Structures are given as structure tokens and as C-alpha cells.
Amino acid sequence: MNEHNLSLEFDPPSTGPAVLRVIGELDHHTAPLLREALDSVSLSPGGGYVLDLSRLEYCDSTGVTVLVTALRKAEAAEGRLCLAGLSHELTRVFHLIGLGDVFSLHETVEQAVECQRS
């Protein structure tokens, strides 16, 4: 049996947006874990959060769907979602499927946090 590992590390907001680090594999086995974590984040108008994907090793279409759902949730709450630290491969996939212009993509968490503040 193939093990699918995903861990999440949440930094609650102190002076900026919440940061959620997504570590491991985001696929149809692990996507519910991320979905539950994102459902627990409450957004106020103008608020937002950052998903740090710098340690994401794999993301399938189910994982991408969870990310799109998170973006839609943030937009519905008049908040923002920024993605940070995507691998070159995942960035390329996002651009190929038309999501590169939909998401706010940043190389680092620091850049994403700064974008949230502006």
C-alpha cells in the first residue's frame, strides 16, 4: 500500500495574514485534510491568508481543485489568497491550465505576505 503524507503547519495571524504551510503530497487521498484546515480559517472582508507550497512535493488535479475552492472562498468573503513557493513544475502547470493569471503567485512567503498588506 502506497502511503500518502501531508502535514500542515498553521501560523495564526499576529500582524499580518495567516500562513498555512502545506508539506508533502496533495492528492485525492490527502486533499480532505487541507480542505478541512481551510474551512476552519475565517476571513473578514479585506483579510486573507497565504498558502506556503514550498515543501509541496506532489499535487494532482484534486489538490488543484482544493486550491481553486480556497480561492473562491476567499473571494466570496472579500478576502485574498496568495500562494507562495510553488515549484517550477507546479508554476508551469498552473500557467498551462490557465490558473497562473487567476492566483496571486509569489516566490516567497515574505513576498506573499507583503502583497496581502498592499
PDB file of N, CA and C in Angstrom:
ATOM      1  N   MET A   1       0.842  -1.168   0.000  1.00  0.00           N
ATOM      2  CA  MET A   1       0.000   0.000   0.000  1.00  0.00           C
ATOM      3  C   MET A   1       0.892   1.238   0.000  1.00  0.00           C
ATOM      4  N   ASN A   2       0.610   2.171  -0.879  1.00  0.00           N
ATOM      5  CA  ASN A   2       1.358   3.408  -1.003  1.00  0.00           C
ATOM      6  C   ASN A   2       0.882   4.409   0.047  1.00  0.00           C
ATOM      7  N   GLU A   3       1.805   4.935   0.841  1.00  0.00           N
ATOM      8  CA  GLU A   3       1.429   5.918   1.852  1.00  0.00           C
ATOM      9  C   GLU A   3       1.425   7.305   1.238  1.00  0.00           C
ATOM     10  N   HIS A   4       0.404   8.060   1.597  1.00  0.00           N
ATOM     11  CA  HIS A   4       0.281   9.433   1.138  1.00  0.00           C
ATOM     12  C   HIS A   4       0.406  10.315   2.366  1.00  0.00           C
ATOM     13  N   ASN A   5       1.389  11.192   2.339  1.00  0.00           N
ATOM     14  CA  ASN A   5       1.656  12.015   3.505  1.00  0.00           C
ATOM     15  C   ASN A   5       1.415  13.477   3.201  1.00  0.00           C
ATOM     16  N   LEU A   6       0.700  14.118   4.098  1.00  0.00           N
ATOM     17  CA  LEU A   6       0.502  15.556   4.032  1.00  0.00           C
ATOM     18  C   LEU A   6       0.485  16.062   5.456  1.00  0.00           C
ATOM     19  N   SER A   7       1.254  17.095   5.702  1.00  0.00           N
ATOM     20  CA  SER A   7       1.173  17.745   7.002  1.00  0.00           C
ATOM     21  C   SER A   7       0.970  19.233   6.772  1.00  0.00           C
ATOM     22  N   LEU A   8       0.343  19.848   7.747  1.00  0.00           N
ATOM     23  CA  LEU A   8       0.006  21.264   7.665  1.00  0.00           C
ATOM     24  C   LEU A   8       0.536  21.952   8.910  1.00  0.00           C
ATOM     25  N   GLU A   9       1.136  23.101   8.714  1.00  0.00           N
ATOM     26  CA  GLU A   9       1.605  23.920   9.823  1.00  0.00           C
ATOM     27  C   GLU A   9       0.956  25.283   9.678  1.00  0.00           C
ATOM     28  N   PHE A  10       0.241  25.702  10.691  1.00  0.00           N
ATOM     29  CA  PHE A  10      -0.538  26.932  10.637  1.00  0.00           C
ATOM     30  C   PHE A  10       0.092  27.981  11.542  1.00  0.00           C
ATOM     31  N   ASP A  11       0.397  29.138  10.968  1.00  0.00           N
ATOM     32  CA  ASP A  11       0.851  30.285  11.742  1.00  0.00           C
ATOM     33  C   ASP A  11      -0.301  31.274  11.791  1.00  0.00           C
ATOM     34  N   PRO A  12      -0.962  31.378  12.933  1.00  0.00           N
ATOM     35  CA  PRO A  12      -2.082  32.322  13.019  1.00  0.00           C
ATOM     36  C   PRO A  12      -1.579  33.751  12.837  1.00  0.00           C
ATOM     37  N   PRO A  13      -2.462  34.606  12.380  1.00  0.00           N
ATOM     38  CA  PRO A  13      -2.036  35.985  12.134  1.00  0.00           C
ATOM     39  C   PRO A  13      -1.667  36.691  13.435  1.00  0.00           C
ATOM     40  N   SER A  14      -0.583  37.449  13.385  1.00  0.00           N
ATOM     41  CA  SER A  14      -0.250  38.310  14.515  1.00  0.00           C
ATOM     42  C   SER A  14      -0.391  39.749  14.032  1.00  0.00           C
ATOM     43  N   THR A  15       0.421  40.116  13.059  1.00  0.00           N
ATOM     44  CA  THR A  15       0.283  41.447  12.477  1.00  0.00           C
ATOM     45  C   THR A  15      -0.022  41.372  10.985  1.00  0.00           C
ATOM     46  N   GLY A  16      -0.054  40.174  10.459  1.00  0.00           N
ATOM     47  CA  GLY A  16      -0.302  40.015   9.032  1.00  0.00           C
ATOM     48  C   GLY A  16      -1.258  38.873   8.788  1.00  0.00           C
ATOM     49  N   PRO A  17      -1.276  38.384   7.571  1.00  0.00           N
ATOM     50  CA  PRO A  17      -2.186  37.287   7.238  1.00  0.00           C
ATOM     51  C   PRO A  17      -1.737  35.967   7.861  1.00  0.00           C
ATOM     52  N   ALA A  18      -2.677  35.064   8.015  1.00  0.00           N
ATOM     53  CA  ALA A  18      -2.355  33.707   8.456  1.00  0.00           C
ATOM     54  C   ALA A  18      -1.542  33.022   7.352  1.00  0.00           C
ATOM     55  N   VAL A  19      -0.619  32.183   7.765  1.00  0.00           N
ATOM     56  CA  VAL A  19       0.193  31.419   6.817  1.00  0.00           C
ATOM     57  C   VAL A  19      -0.013  29.939   7.116  1.00  0.00           C
ATOM     58  N   LEU A  20      -0.373  29.189   6.088  1.00  0.00           N
ATOM     59  CA  LEU A  20      -0.544  27.751   6.217  1.00  0.00           C
ATOM     60  C   LEU A  20       0.482  27.074   5.323  1.00  0.00           C
ATOM     61  N   ARG A  21       1.416  26.328   5.941  1.00  0.00           N
ATOM     62  CA  ARG A  21       2.419  25.587   5.186  1.00  0.00           C
ATOM     63  C   ARG A  21       1.873  24.214   4.840  1.00  0.00           C
ATOM     64  N   VAL A  22       1.934  23.882   3.560  1.00  0.00           N
ATOM     65  CA  VAL A  22       1.443  22.599   3.057  1.00  0.00           C
ATOM     66  C   VAL A  22       2.676  21.773   2.701  1.00  0.00           C
ATOM     67  N   ILE A  23       2.835  20.638   3.389  1.00  0.00           N
ATOM     68  CA  ILE A  23       4.058  19.854   3.270  1.00  0.00           C
ATOM     69  C   ILE A  23       3.717  18.424   2.847  1.00  0.00           C
ATOM     70  N   GLY A  24       4.349  17.958   1.778  1.00  0.00           N
ATOM     71  CA  GLY A  24       4.156  16.577   1.354  1.00  0.00           C
ATOM     72  C   GLY A  24       3.391  16.467   0.054  1.00  0.00           C
ATOM     73  N   GLU A  25       2.442  15.552   0.037  1.00  0.00           N
ATOM     74  CA  GLU A  25       1.692  15.234  -1.177  1.00  0.00           C
ATOM     75  C   GLU A  25       0.239  15.669  -1.033  1.00  0.00           C
ATOM     76  N   LEU A  26      -0.211  16.446  -2.009  1.00  0.00           N
ATOM     77  CA  LEU A  26      -1.600  16.890  -2.038  1.00  0.00           C
ATOM     78  C   LEU A  26      -2.289  16.164  -3.193  1.00  0.00           C
ATOM     79  N   ASP A  27      -3.022  15.125  -2.830  1.00  0.00           N
ATOM     80  CA  ASP A  27      -3.694  14.316  -3.847  1.00  0.00           C
ATOM     81  C   ASP A  27      -5.081  13.934  -3.355  1.00  0.00           C
ATOM     82  N   HIS A  28      -5.731  13.037  -4.069  1.00  0.00           N
ATOM     83  CA  HIS A  28      -7.113  12.688  -3.701  1.00  0.00           C
ATOM     84  C   HIS A  28      -7.203  12.023  -2.335  1.00  0.00           C
ATOM     85  N   HIS A  29      -6.099  11.473  -1.844  1.00  0.00           N
ATOM     86  CA  HIS A  29      -6.101  10.864  -0.512  1.00  0.00           C
ATOM     87  C   HIS A  29      -5.974  11.910   0.593  1.00  0.00           C
ATOM     88  N   THR A  30      -5.192  12.954   0.337  1.00  0.00           N
ATOM     89  CA  THR A  30      -4.871  13.928   1.381  1.00  0.00           C
ATOM     90  C   THR A  30      -5.622  15.248   1.260  1.00  0.00           C
ATOM     91  N   ALA A  31      -6.260  15.475   0.130  1.00  0.00           N
ATOM     92  CA  ALA A  31      -6.966  16.741  -0.094  1.00  0.00           C
ATOM     93  C   ALA A  31      -8.010  17.048   0.990  1.00  0.00           C
ATOM     94  N   PRO A  32      -8.738  16.064   1.518  1.00  0.00           N
ATOM     95  CA  PRO A  32      -9.708  16.390   2.571  1.00  0.00           C
ATOM     96  C   PRO A  32      -9.079  17.039   3.805  1.00  0.00           C
ATOM     97  N   LEU A  33      -7.850  16.673   4.122  1.00  0.00           N
ATOM     98  CA  LEU A  33      -7.163  17.271   5.265  1.00  0.00           C
ATOM     99  C   LEU A  33      -6.957  18.769   5.032  1.00  0.00           C
ATOM    100  N   LEU A  34      -6.490  19.141   3.845  1.00  0.00           N
ATOM    101  CA  LEU A  34      -6.303  20.552   3.532  1.00  0.00           C
ATOM    102  C   LEU A  34      -7.648  21.264   3.469  1.00  0.00           C
ATOM    103  N   ARG A  35      -8.632  20.625   2.880  1.00  0.00           N
ATOM    104  CA  ARG A  35      -9.974  21.232   2.789  1.00  0.00           C
ATOM    105  C   ARG A  35     -10.506  21.558   4.182  1.00  0.00           C
ATOM    106  N   GLU A  36     -10.365  20.630   5.119  1.00  0.00           N
ATOM    107  CA  GLU A  36     -10.825  20.863   6.495  1.00  0.00           C
ATOM    108  C   GLU A  36     -10.073  22.016   7.139  1.00  0.00           C
ATOM    109  N   ALA A  37      -8.769  22.072   6.937  1.00  0.00           N
ATOM    110  CA  ALA A  37      -7.977  23.154   7.516  1.00  0.00           C
ATOM    111  C   ALA A  37      -8.397  24.502   6.944  1.00  0.00           C
ATOM    112  N   LEU A  38      -8.635  24.541   5.644  1.00  0.00           N
ATOM    113  CA  LEU A  38      -9.047  25.796   5.021  1.00  0.00           C
ATOM    114  C   LEU A  38     -10.450  26.205   5.445  1.00  0.00           C
ATOM    115  N   ASP A  39     -11.315  25.224   5.672  1.00  0.00           N
ATOM    116  CA  ASP A  39     -12.665  25.533   6.144  1.00  0.00           C
ATOM    117  C   ASP A  39     -12.651  26.148   7.534  1.00  0.00           C
ATOM    118  N   SER A  40     -11.608  25.856   8.304  1.00  0.00           N
ATOM    119  CA  SER A  40     -11.528  26.391   9.667  1.00  0.00           C
ATOM    120  C   SER A  40     -11.006  27.827   9.705  1.00  0.00           C
ATOM    121  N   VAL A  41     -10.483  28.311   8.572  1.00  0.00           N
ATOM    122  CA  VAL A  41      -9.971  29.684   8.515  1.00  0.00           C
ATOM    123  C   VAL A  41     -11.139  30.621   8.242  1.00  0.00           C
ATOM    124  N   SER A  42     -11.370  31.545   9.170  1.00  0.00           N
ATOM    125  CA  SER A  42     -12.431  32.523   8.939  1.00  0.00           C
ATOM    126  C   SER A  42     -11.799  33.797   8.394  1.00  0.00           C
ATOM    127  N   LEU A  43     -12.437  34.337   7.389  1.00  0.00           N
ATOM    128  CA  LEU A  43     -11.923  35.540   6.741  1.00  0.00           C
ATOM    129  C   LEU A  43     -12.906  36.681   6.936  1.00  0.00           C
ATOM    130  N   SER A  44     -12.370  37.819   7.242  1.00  0.00           N
ATOM    131  CA  SER A  44     -13.189  39.022   7.279  1.00  0.00           C
ATOM    132  C   SER A  44     -12.911  39.802   6.005  1.00  0.00           C
ATOM    133  N   PRO A  45     -13.822  40.662   5.609  1.00  0.00           N
ATOM    134  CA  PRO A  45     -13.581  41.448   4.393  1.00  0.00           C
ATOM    135  C   PRO A  45     -12.231  42.171   4.475  1.00  0.00           C
ATOM    136  N   GLY A  46     -11.467  42.027   3.417  1.00  0.00           N
ATOM    137  CA  GLY A  46     -10.144  42.628   3.369  1.00  0.00           C
ATOM    138  C   GLY A  46      -9.057  41.756   3.975  1.00  0.00           C
ATOM    139  N   GLY A  47      -9.441  40.690   4.657  1.00  0.00           N
ATOM    140  CA  GLY A  47      -8.466  39.786   5.259  1.00  0.00           C
ATOM    141  C   GLY A  47      -7.943  38.802   4.237  1.00  0.00           C
ATOM    142  N   GLY A  48      -7.030  37.976   4.659  1.00  0.00           N
ATOM    143  CA  GLY A  48      -6.515  36.987   3.740  1.00  0.00           C
ATOM    144  C   GLY A  48      -5.574  36.015   4.405  1.00  0.00           C
ATOM    145  N   TYR A  49      -5.071  35.117   3.605  1.00  0.00           N
ATOM    146  CA  TYR A  49      -4.108  34.149   4.090  1.00  0.00           C
ATOM    147  C   TYR A  49      -3.194  33.719   2.965  1.00  0.00           C
ATOM    148  N   VAL A  50      -2.096  33.115   3.369  1.00  0.00           N
ATOM    149  CA  VAL A  50      -1.058  32.672   2.441  1.00  0.00           C
ATOM    150  C   VAL A  50      -0.908  31.173   2.584  1.00  0.00           C
ATOM    151  N   LEU A  51      -0.856  30.485   1.462  1.00  0.00           N
ATOM    152  CA  LEU A  51      -0.526  29.066   1.457  1.00  0.00           C
ATOM    153  C   LEU A  51       0.920  28.939   0.988  1.00  0.00           C
ATOM    154  N   ASP A  52       1.763  28.437   1.875  1.00  0.00           N
ATOM    155  CA  ASP A  52       3.166  28.216   1.563  1.00  0.00           C
ATOM    156  C   ASP A  52       3.296  26.813   0.983  1.00  0.00           C
ATOM    157  N   LEU A  53       3.563  26.745  -0.310  1.00  0.00           N
ATOM    158  CA  LEU A  53       3.653  25.462  -1.015  1.00  0.00           C
ATOM    159  C   LEU A  53       5.103  25.087  -1.314  1.00  0.00           C
ATOM    160  N   SER A  54       6.057  25.720  -0.646  1.00  0.00           N
ATOM    161  CA  SER A  54       7.465  25.485  -0.947  1.00  0.00           C
ATOM    162  C   SER A  54       7.920  24.069  -0.613  1.00  0.00           C
ATOM    163  N   ARG A  55       7.195  23.374   0.254  1.00  0.00           N
ATOM    164  CA  ARG A  55       7.560  21.998   0.600  1.00  0.00           C
ATOM    165  C   ARG A  55       6.538  20.985   0.077  1.00  0.00           C
ATOM    166  N   LEU A  56       5.720  21.440  -0.852  1.00  0.00           N
ATOM    167  CA  LEU A  56       4.769  20.548  -1.507  1.00  0.00           C
ATOM    168  C   LEU A  56       5.527  19.716  -2.532  1.00  0.00           C
ATOM    169  N   GLU A  57       5.460  18.404  -2.392  1.00  0.00           N
ATOM    170  CA  GLU A  57       6.223  17.511  -3.264  1.00  0.00           C
ATOM    171  C   GLU A  57       5.422  17.039  -4.472  1.00  0.00           C
ATOM    172  N   TYR A  58       4.105  17.021  -4.333  1.00  0.00           N
ATOM    173  CA  TYR A  58       3.252  16.490  -5.396  1.00  0.00           C
ATOM    174  C   TYR A  58       1.873  17.110  -5.251  1.00  0.00           C
ATOM    175  N   CYS A  59       1.250  17.412  -6.382  1.00  0.00           N
ATOM    176  CA  CYS A  59      -0.110  17.951  -6.376  1.00  0.00           C
ATOM    177  C   CYS A  59      -0.837  17.429  -7.605  1.00  0.00           C
ATOM    178  N   ASP A  60      -1.929  16.680  -7.384  1.00  0.00           N
ATOM    179  CA  ASP A  60      -2.706  16.184  -8.515  1.00  0.00           C
ATOM    180  C   ASP A  60      -3.904  17.107  -8.746  1.00  0.00           C
ATOM    181  N   SER A  61      -4.775  16.719  -9.649  1.00  0.00           N
ATOM    182  CA  SER A  61      -5.913  17.574 -10.005  1.00  0.00           C
ATOM    183  C   SER A  61      -6.857  17.802  -8.832  1.00  0.00           C
ATOM    184  N   THR A  62      -6.969  16.838  -7.932  1.00  0.00           N
ATOM    185  CA  THR A  62      -7.807  17.027  -6.747  1.00  0.00           C
ATOM    186  C   THR A  62      -7.207  18.103  -5.862  1.00  0.00           C
ATOM    187  N   GLY A  63      -5.909  18.100  -5.728  1.00  0.00           N
ATOM    188  CA  GLY A  63      -5.232  19.139  -4.957  1.00  0.00           C
ATOM    189  C   GLY A  63      -5.436  20.508  -5.571  1.00  0.00           C
ATOM    190  N   VAL A  64      -5.325  20.605  -6.887  1.00  0.00           N
ATOM    191  CA  VAL A  64      -5.559  21.874  -7.573  1.00  0.00           C
ATOM    192  C   VAL A  64      -6.998  22.333  -7.331  1.00  0.00           C
ATOM    193  N   THR A  65      -7.942  21.400  -7.350  1.00  0.00           N
ATOM    194  CA  THR A  65      -9.338  21.740  -7.102  1.00  0.00           C
ATOM    195  C   THR A  65      -9.528  22.324  -5.703  1.00  0.00           C
ATOM    196  N   VAL A  66      -8.852  21.767  -4.708  1.00  0.00           N
ATOM    197  CA  VAL A  66      -8.935  22.303  -3.343  1.00  0.00           C
ATOM    198  C   VAL A  66      -8.382  23.729  -3.320  1.00  0.00           C
ATOM    199  N   LEU A  67      -7.313  23.982  -4.029  1.00  0.00           N
ATOM    200  CA  LEU A  67      -6.742  25.325  -4.073  1.00  0.00           C
ATOM    201  C   LEU A  67      -7.695  26.313  -4.751  1.00  0.00           C
ATOM    202  N   VAL A  68      -8.333  25.891  -5.824  1.00  0.00           N
ATOM    203  CA  VAL A  68      -9.310  26.748  -6.505  1.00  0.00           C
ATOM    204  C   VAL A  68     -10.495  27.031  -5.581  1.00  0.00           C
ATOM    205  N   THR A  69     -10.957  26.013  -4.871  1.00  0.00           N
ATOM    206  CA  THR A  69     -12.062  26.192  -3.923  1.00  0.00           C
ATOM    207  C   THR A  69     -11.667  27.181  -2.823  1.00  0.00           C
ATOM    208  N   ALA A  70     -10.438  27.088  -2.347  1.00  0.00           N
ATOM    209  CA  ALA A  70      -9.957  28.023  -1.321  1.00  0.00           C
ATOM    210  C   ALA A  70      -9.934  29.454  -1.858  1.00  0.00           C
ATOM    211  N   LEU A  71      -9.526  29.617  -3.105  1.00  0.00           N
ATOM    212  CA  LEU A  71      -9.522  30.942  -3.724  1.00  0.00           C
ATOM    213  C   LEU A  71     -10.937  31.491  -3.813  1.00  0.00           C
ATOM    214  N   ARG A  72     -11.868  30.667  -4.250  1.00  0.00           N
ATOM    215  CA  ARG A  72     -13.269  31.104  -4.376  1.00  0.00           C
ATOM    216  C   ARG A  72     -13.857  31.479  -3.010  1.00  0.00           C
ATOM    217  N   LYS A  73     -13.496  30.711  -1.983  1.00  0.00           N
ATOM    218  CA  LYS A  73     -13.965  31.012  -0.628  1.00  0.00           C
ATOM    219  C   LYS A  73     -13.427  32.365  -0.171  1.00  0.00           C
ATOM    220  N   ALA A  74     -12.147  32.611  -0.419  1.00  0.00           N
ATOM    221  CA  ALA A  74     -11.546  33.889  -0.037  1.00  0.00           C
ATOM    222  C   ALA A  74     -12.218  35.040  -0.780  1.00  0.00           C
ATOM    223  N   GLU A  75     -12.446  34.862  -2.058  1.00  0.00           N
ATOM    224  CA  GLU A  75     -13.091  35.915  -2.848  1.00  0.00           C
ATOM    225  C   GLU A  75     -14.518  36.176  -2.376  1.00  0.00           C
ATOM    226  N   ALA A  76     -15.244  35.126  -2.027  1.00  0.00           N
ATOM    227  CA  ALA A  76     -16.618  35.284  -1.543  1.00  0.00           C
ATOM    228  C   ALA A  76     -16.656  36.055  -0.227  1.00  0.00           C
ATOM    229  N   ALA A  77     -15.601  35.936   0.566  1.00  0.00           N
ATOM    230  CA  ALA A  77     -15.518  36.649   1.838  1.00  0.00           C
ATOM    231  C   ALA A  77     -14.861  38.022   1.662  1.00  0.00           C
ATOM    232  N   GLU A  78     -14.642  38.406   0.410  1.00  0.00           N
ATOM    233  CA  GLU A  78     -13.959  39.657   0.084  1.00  0.00           C
ATOM    234  C   GLU A  78     -12.562  39.686   0.695  1.00  0.00           C
ATOM    235  N   GLY A  79     -11.937  38.512   0.727  1.00  0.00           N
ATOM    236  CA  GLY A  79     -10.580  38.377   1.229  1.00  0.00           C
ATOM    237  C   GLY A  79      -9.643  37.996   0.103  1.00  0.00           C
ATOM    238  N   ARG A  80      -8.414  37.676   0.474  1.00  0.00           N
ATOM    239  CA  ARG A  80      -7.407  37.330  -0.524  1.00  0.00           C
ATOM    240  C   ARG A  80      -6.704  36.037  -0.143  1.00  0.00           C
ATOM    241  N   LEU A  81      -6.306  35.315  -1.158  1.00  0.00           N
ATOM    242  CA  LEU A  81      -5.487  34.121  -1.001  1.00  0.00           C
ATOM    243  C   LEU A  81      -4.273  34.289  -1.895  1.00  0.00           C
ATOM    244  N   CYS A  82      -3.105  34.114  -1.326  1.00  0.00           N
ATOM    245  CA  CYS A  82      -1.864  34.147  -2.096  1.00  0.00           C
ATOM    246  C   CYS A  82      -1.158  32.805  -1.941  1.00  0.00           C
ATOM    247  N   LEU A  83      -0.581  32.334  -3.020  1.00  0.00           N
ATOM    248  CA  LEU A  83       0.204  31.101  -2.995  1.00  0.00           C
ATOM    249  C   LEU A  83       1.676  31.471  -3.075  1.00  0.00           C
ATOM    250  N   ALA A  84       2.482  30.805  -2.270  1.00  0.00           N
ATOM    251  CA  ALA A  84       3.911  31.118  -2.237  1.00  0.00           C
ATOM    252  C   ALA A  84       4.742  29.852  -2.381  1.00  0.00           C
ATOM    253  N   GLY A  85       5.905  30.019  -2.996  1.00  0.00           N
ATOM    254  CA  GLY A  85       6.891  28.951  -3.030  1.00  0.00           C
ATOM    255  C   GLY A  85       6.578  27.784  -3.940  1.00  0.00           C
ATOM    256  N   LEU A  86       5.766  27.991  -4.969  1.00  0.00           N
ATOM    257  CA  LEU A  86       5.467  26.897  -5.886  1.00  0.00           C
ATOM    258  C   LEU A  86       6.735  26.459  -6.610  1.00  0.00           C
ATOM    259  N   SER A  87       6.850  25.165  -6.806  1.00  0.00           N
ATOM    260  CA  SER A  87       7.978  24.651  -7.579  1.00  0.00           C
ATOM    261  C   SER A  87       7.852  25.139  -9.021  1.00  0.00           C
ATOM    262  N   HIS A  88       8.956  25.059  -9.730  1.00  0.00           N
ATOM    263  CA  HIS A  88       8.943  25.439 -11.149  1.00  0.00           C
ATOM    264  C   HIS A  88       7.907  24.611 -11.914  1.00  0.00           C
ATOM    265  N   GLU A  89       7.850  23.315 -11.603  1.00  0.00           N
ATOM    266  CA  GLU A  89       6.926  22.429 -12.305  1.00  0.00           C
ATOM    267  C   GLU A  89       5.467  22.797 -12.034  1.00  0.00           C
ATOM    268  N   LEU A  90       5.140  23.058 -10.757  1.00  0.00           N
ATOM    269  CA  LEU A  90       3.764  23.405 -10.427  1.00  0.00           C
ATOM    270  C   LEU A  90       3.390  24.773 -11.001  1.00  0.00           C
ATOM    271  N   THR A  91       4.312  25.702 -10.976  1.00  0.00           N
ATOM    272  CA  THR A  91       4.057  27.009 -11.597  1.00  0.00           C
ATOM    273  C   THR A  91       3.763  26.833 -13.077  1.00  0.00           C
ATOM    274  N   ARG A  92       4.519  25.998 -13.724  1.00  0.00           N
ATOM    275  CA  ARG A  92       4.308  25.737 -15.159  1.00  0.00           C
ATOM    276  C   ARG A  92       2.938  25.128 -15.401  1.00  0.00           C
ATOM    277  N   VAL A  93       2.550  24.159 -14.567  1.00  0.00           N
ATOM    278  CA  VAL A  93       1.228  23.538 -14.698  1.00  0.00           C
ATOM    279  C   VAL A  93       0.127  24.593 -14.518  1.00  0.00           C
ATOM    280  N   PHE A  94       0.274  25.433 -13.512  1.00  0.00           N
ATOM    281  CA  PHE A  94      -0.730  26.473 -13.275  1.00  0.00           C
ATOM    282  C   PHE A  94      -0.886  27.366 -14.498  1.00  0.00           C
ATOM    283  N   HIS A  95       0.226  27.736 -15.134  1.00  0.00           N
ATOM    284  CA  HIS A  95       0.151  28.577 -16.324  1.00  0.00           C
ATOM    285  C   HIS A  95      -0.451  27.818 -17.503  1.00  0.00           C
ATOM    286  N   LEU A  96      -0.105  26.538 -17.640  1.00  0.00           N
ATOM    287  CA  LEU A  96      -0.634  25.746 -18.751  1.00  0.00           C
ATOM    288  C   LEU A  96      -2.146  25.553 -18.671  1.00  0.00           C
ATOM    289  N   ILE A  97      -2.674  25.416 -17.456  1.00  0.00           N
ATOM    290  CA  ILE A  97      -4.114  25.181 -17.323  1.00  0.00           C
ATOM    291  C   ILE A  97      -4.899  26.475 -17.084  1.00  0.00           C
ATOM    292  N   GLY A  98      -4.209  27.607 -17.189  1.00  0.00           N
ATOM    293  CA  GLY A  98      -4.885  28.891 -17.106  1.00  0.00           C
ATOM    294  C   GLY A  98      -5.072  29.445 -15.706  1.00  0.00           C
ATOM    295  N   LEU A  99      -4.416  28.853 -14.715  1.00  0.00           N
ATOM    296  CA  LEU A  99      -4.571  29.340 -13.348  1.00  0.00           C
ATOM    297  C   LEU A  99      -3.460  30.306 -12.936  1.00  0.00           C
ATOM    298  N   GLY A 100      -2.465  30.455 -13.767  1.00  0.00           N
ATOM    299  CA  GLY A 100      -1.374  31.369 -13.453  1.00  0.00           C
ATOM    300  C   GLY A 100      -1.828  32.807 -13.349  1.00  0.00           C
ATOM    301  N   ASP A 101      -2.869  33.152 -14.082  1.00  0.00           N
ATOM    302  CA  ASP A 101      -3.406  34.509 -14.035  1.00  0.00           C
ATOM    303  C   ASP A 101      -4.561  34.637 -13.051  1.00  0.00           C
ATOM    304  N   VAL A 102      -5.022  33.525 -12.512  1.00  0.00           N
ATOM    305  CA  VAL A 102      -6.146  33.530 -11.574  1.00  0.00           C
ATOM    306  C   VAL A 102      -5.649  33.688 -10.143  1.00  0.00           C
ATOM    307  N   PHE A 103      -4.577  32.977  -9.815  1.00  0.00           N
ATOM    308  CA  PHE A 103      -3.997  33.020  -8.481  1.00  0.00           C
ATOM    309  C   PHE A 103      -2.958  34.129  -8.383  1.00  0.00           C
ATOM    310  N   SER A 104      -2.768  34.599  -7.177  1.00  0.00           N
ATOM    311  CA  SER A 104      -1.670  35.509  -6.866  1.00  0.00           C
ATOM    312  C   SER A 104      -0.499  34.627  -6.451  1.00  0.00           C
ATOM    313  N   LEU A 105       0.471  34.455  -7.359  1.00  0.00           N
ATOM    314  CA  LEU A 105       1.609  33.556  -7.145  1.00  0.00           C
ATOM    315  C   LEU A 105       2.839  34.361  -6.749  1.00  0.00           C
ATOM    316  N   HIS A 106       3.560  33.872  -5.740  1.00  0.00           N
ATOM    317  CA  HIS A 106       4.743  34.568  -5.241  1.00  0.00           C
ATOM    318  C   HIS A 106       5.859  33.559  -4.996  1.00  0.00           C
ATOM    319  N   GLU A 107       7.079  34.013  -5.194  1.00  0.00           N
ATOM    320  CA  GLU A 107       8.219  33.121  -4.991  1.00  0.00           C
ATOM    321  C   GLU A 107       8.434  32.789  -3.530  1.00  0.00           C
ATOM    322  N   THR A 108       8.183  33.747  -2.639  1.00  0.00           N
ATOM    323  CA  THR A 108       8.440  33.525  -1.221  1.00  0.00           C
ATOM    324  C   THR A 108       7.218  33.893  -0.380  1.00  0.00           C
ATOM    325  N   VAL A 109       7.187  33.368   0.826  1.00  0.00           N
ATOM    326  CA  VAL A 109       6.120  33.710   1.766  1.00  0.00           C
ATOM    327  C   VAL A 109       6.179  35.196   2.091  1.00  0.00           C
ATOM    328  N   GLU A 110       7.381  35.719   2.249  1.00  0.00           N
ATOM    329  CA  GLU A 110       7.537  37.129   2.574  1.00  0.00           C
ATOM    330  C   GLU A 110       6.906  38.014   1.503  1.00  0.00           C
ATOM    331  N   GLN A 111       7.115  37.672   0.229  1.00  0.00           N
ATOM    332  CA  GLN A 111       6.512  38.440  -0.866  1.00  0.00           C
ATOM    333  C   GLN A 111       4.994  38.324  -0.827  1.00  0.00           C
ATOM    334  N   ALA A 112       4.488  37.138  -0.527  1.00  0.00           N
ATOM    335  CA  ALA A 112       3.036  36.938  -0.464  1.00  0.00           C
ATOM    336  C   ALA A 112       2.429  37.720   0.692  1.00  0.00           C
ATOM    337  N   VAL A 113       3.092  37.717   1.839  1.00  0.00           N
ATOM    338  CA  VAL A 113       2.601  38.470   2.998  1.00  0.00           C
ATOM    339  C   VAL A 113       2.593  39.962   2.672  1.00  0.00           C
ATOM    340  N   GLU A 114       3.648  40.442   2.030  1.00  0.00           N
ATOM    341  CA  GLU A 114       3.702  41.858   1.659  1.00  0.00           C
ATOM    342  C   GLU A 114       2.591  42.209   0.679  1.00  0.00           C
ATOM    343  N   CYS A 115       2.300  41.316  -0.249  1.00  0.00           N
ATOM    344  CA  CYS A 115       1.219  41.543  -1.212  1.00  0.00           C
ATOM    345  C   CYS A 115      -0.125  41.629  -0.492  1.00  0.00           C
ATOM    346  N   GLN A 116      -0.301  40.834   0.551  1.00  0.00           N
ATOM    347  CA  GLN A 116      -1.535  40.878   1.325  1.00  0.00           C
ATOM    348  C   GLN A 116      -1.714  42.245   1.991  1.00  0.00           C
ATOM    349  N   ARG A 117      -0.610  42.843   2.377  1.00  0.00           N
ATOM    350  CA  ARG A 117      -0.673  44.133   3.087  1.00  0.00           C
ATOM    351  C   ARG A 117      -0.970  45.294   2.161  1.00  0.00           C
ATOM    352  N   SER A 118      -0.702  45.126   0.864  1.00  0.00           N
ATOM    353  CA  SER A 118      -0.891  46.253  -0.063  1.00  0.00           C
ATOM    354  C   SER A 118      -2.271  46.280  -0.668  1.00  0.00           C
TER     355      SER A 118
END
